[in-house]
Each structure stands twice: as C-alpha cells, then as structure tokens.
Amino acid sequence: MAMNKNTVLAWATYIMIFIGLSLIALGAFRYNEVAGWGFASVGIGFLANAWVFNALKGRV
C-alpha cells in the first residue's frame, strides 16, 4: 500500500485525535489541581491541529 499525502494526513489526524482525547482525559480524571487545566488545554490544542490536518486533506 503506497502512502500518498492524503493518507499521511489522515493517519496524523487520527493519531492527534487519540492523543488529544487522552490528554483531556488525563486532565479531567488524573490531575485535580492546576496541572489538569494544562493537560486539558494542550489536549484541546491537539484537537485543533487535527481539525486543521483534516481540512488540508485533498488540498495539499
């Protein structure tokens, strides 16, 4: 299976969604103090980057 640009962007999107959701879960369930807010905000940033990667599919 040859990986073209769209396939690479799709895999990157899925990986970033997984990491973003896991960081949000860490912030919500593991850390109850200020560090939880940091984990959750970084997770939201990962989801925003995944959204951009998904929007780039087919245009690059």
C-alpha atoms as a PDB file:
ATOM      1  CA  MET A   1       0.000   0.000   0.000  1.00  0.00           C
ATOM      2  CA  ALA A   2       1.505   3.274  -1.107  1.00  0.00           C
ATOM      3  CA  MET A   3       1.012   6.162   1.243  1.00  0.00           C
ATOM      4  CA  ASN A   4       0.292   9.412  -0.515  1.00  0.00           C
ATOM      5  CA  LYS A   5      -0.105  12.844   1.072  1.00  0.00           C
ATOM      6  CA  ASN A   6      -3.774  12.350   1.944  1.00  0.00           C
ATOM      7  CA  THR A   7      -3.124   9.033   3.659  1.00  0.00           C
ATOM      8  CA  VAL A   8      -0.344  10.550   5.757  1.00  0.00           C
ATOM      9  CA  LEU A   9      -2.612  13.443   6.767  1.00  0.00           C
ATOM     10  CA  ALA A  10      -5.407  11.010   7.644  1.00  0.00           C
ATOM     11  CA  TRP A  11      -3.118   8.953   9.898  1.00  0.00           C
ATOM     12  CA  ALA A  12      -1.763  12.116  11.515  1.00  0.00           C
ATOM     13  CA  THR A  13      -5.334  13.281  12.145  1.00  0.00           C
ATOM     14  CA  TYR A  14      -6.312  10.004  13.833  1.00  0.00           C
ATOM     15  CA  ILE A  15      -3.178   9.957  15.983  1.00  0.00           C
ATOM     16  CA  MET A  16      -3.664  13.583  17.052  1.00  0.00           C
ATOM     17  CA  ILE A  17      -7.321  12.965  17.917  1.00  0.00           C
ATOM     18  CA  PHE A  18      -6.303   9.996  20.089  1.00  0.00           C
ATOM     19  CA  ILE A  19      -3.560  11.966  21.851  1.00  0.00           C
ATOM     20  CA  GLY A  20      -5.830  14.989  22.322  1.00  0.00           C
ATOM     21  CA  LEU A  21      -8.630  12.957  23.857  1.00  0.00           C
ATOM     22  CA  SER A  22      -6.210  11.097  26.109  1.00  0.00           C
ATOM     23  CA  LEU A  23      -4.691  14.388  27.329  1.00  0.00           C
ATOM     24  CA  ILE A  24      -8.152  15.770  28.063  1.00  0.00           C
ATOM     25  CA  ALA A  25      -8.990  12.575  29.943  1.00  0.00           C
ATOM     26  CA  LEU A  26      -5.753  12.858  31.938  1.00  0.00           C
ATOM     27  CA  GLY A  27      -6.600  16.420  32.859  1.00  0.00           C
ATOM     28  CA  ALA A  28     -10.146  15.518  33.836  1.00  0.00           C
ATOM     29  CA  PHE A  29      -9.619  12.270  35.742  1.00  0.00           C
ATOM     30  CA  ARG A  30      -5.989  12.040  36.854  1.00  0.00           C
ATOM     31  CA  TYR A  31      -4.924  15.525  37.924  1.00  0.00           C
ATOM     32  CA  ASN A  32      -7.285  17.546  40.117  1.00  0.00           C
ATOM     33  CA  GLU A  33      -5.121  20.623  40.613  1.00  0.00           C
ATOM     34  CA  VAL A  34      -3.764  23.232  38.225  1.00  0.00           C
ATOM     35  CA  ALA A  35      -1.865  20.648  36.148  1.00  0.00           C
ATOM     36  CA  GLY A  36      -5.212  19.226  34.984  1.00  0.00           C
ATOM     37  CA  TRP A  37      -6.092  22.511  33.341  1.00  0.00           C
ATOM     38  CA  GLY A  38      -2.784  22.427  31.469  1.00  0.00           C
ATOM     39  CA  PHE A  39      -3.309  18.881  30.253  1.00  0.00           C
ATOM     40  CA  ALA A  40      -6.838  19.694  29.099  1.00  0.00           C
ATOM     41  CA  SER A  41      -5.785  22.863  27.257  1.00  0.00           C
ATOM     42  CA  VAL A  42      -2.956  21.051  25.463  1.00  0.00           C
ATOM     43  CA  GLY A  43      -5.453  18.326  24.521  1.00  0.00           C
ATOM     44  CA  ILE A  44      -7.768  20.948  23.037  1.00  0.00           C
ATOM     45  CA  GLY A  45      -4.797  22.277  21.073  1.00  0.00           C
ATOM     46  CA  PHE A  46      -4.134  18.799  19.697  1.00  0.00           C
ATOM     47  CA  LEU A  47      -7.775  18.552  18.584  1.00  0.00           C
ATOM     48  CA  ALA A  48      -7.498  21.953  16.875  1.00  0.00           C
ATOM     49  CA  ASN A  49      -4.392  20.789  14.986  1.00  0.00           C
ATOM     50  CA  ALA A  50      -6.177  17.584  13.989  1.00  0.00           C
ATOM     51  CA  TRP A  51      -9.022  19.702  12.633  1.00  0.00           C
ATOM     52  CA  VAL A  52      -6.556  21.682  10.509  1.00  0.00           C
ATOM     53  CA  PHE A  53      -4.923  18.494   9.218  1.00  0.00           C
ATOM     54  CA  ASN A  54      -8.342  17.120   8.293  1.00  0.00           C
ATOM     55  CA  ALA A  55      -9.147  20.340   6.427  1.00  0.00           C
ATOM     56  CA  LEU A  56      -5.882  20.077   4.472  1.00  0.00           C
ATOM     57  CA  LYS A  57      -6.693  16.636   3.038  1.00  0.00           C
ATOM     58  CA  GLY A  58      -7.186  16.933  -0.709  1.00  0.00           C
ATOM     59  CA  ARG A  59      -5.784  20.476  -0.867  1.00  0.00           C
ATOM     60  CA  VAL A  60      -2.074  19.834  -0.418  1.00  0.00           C
END
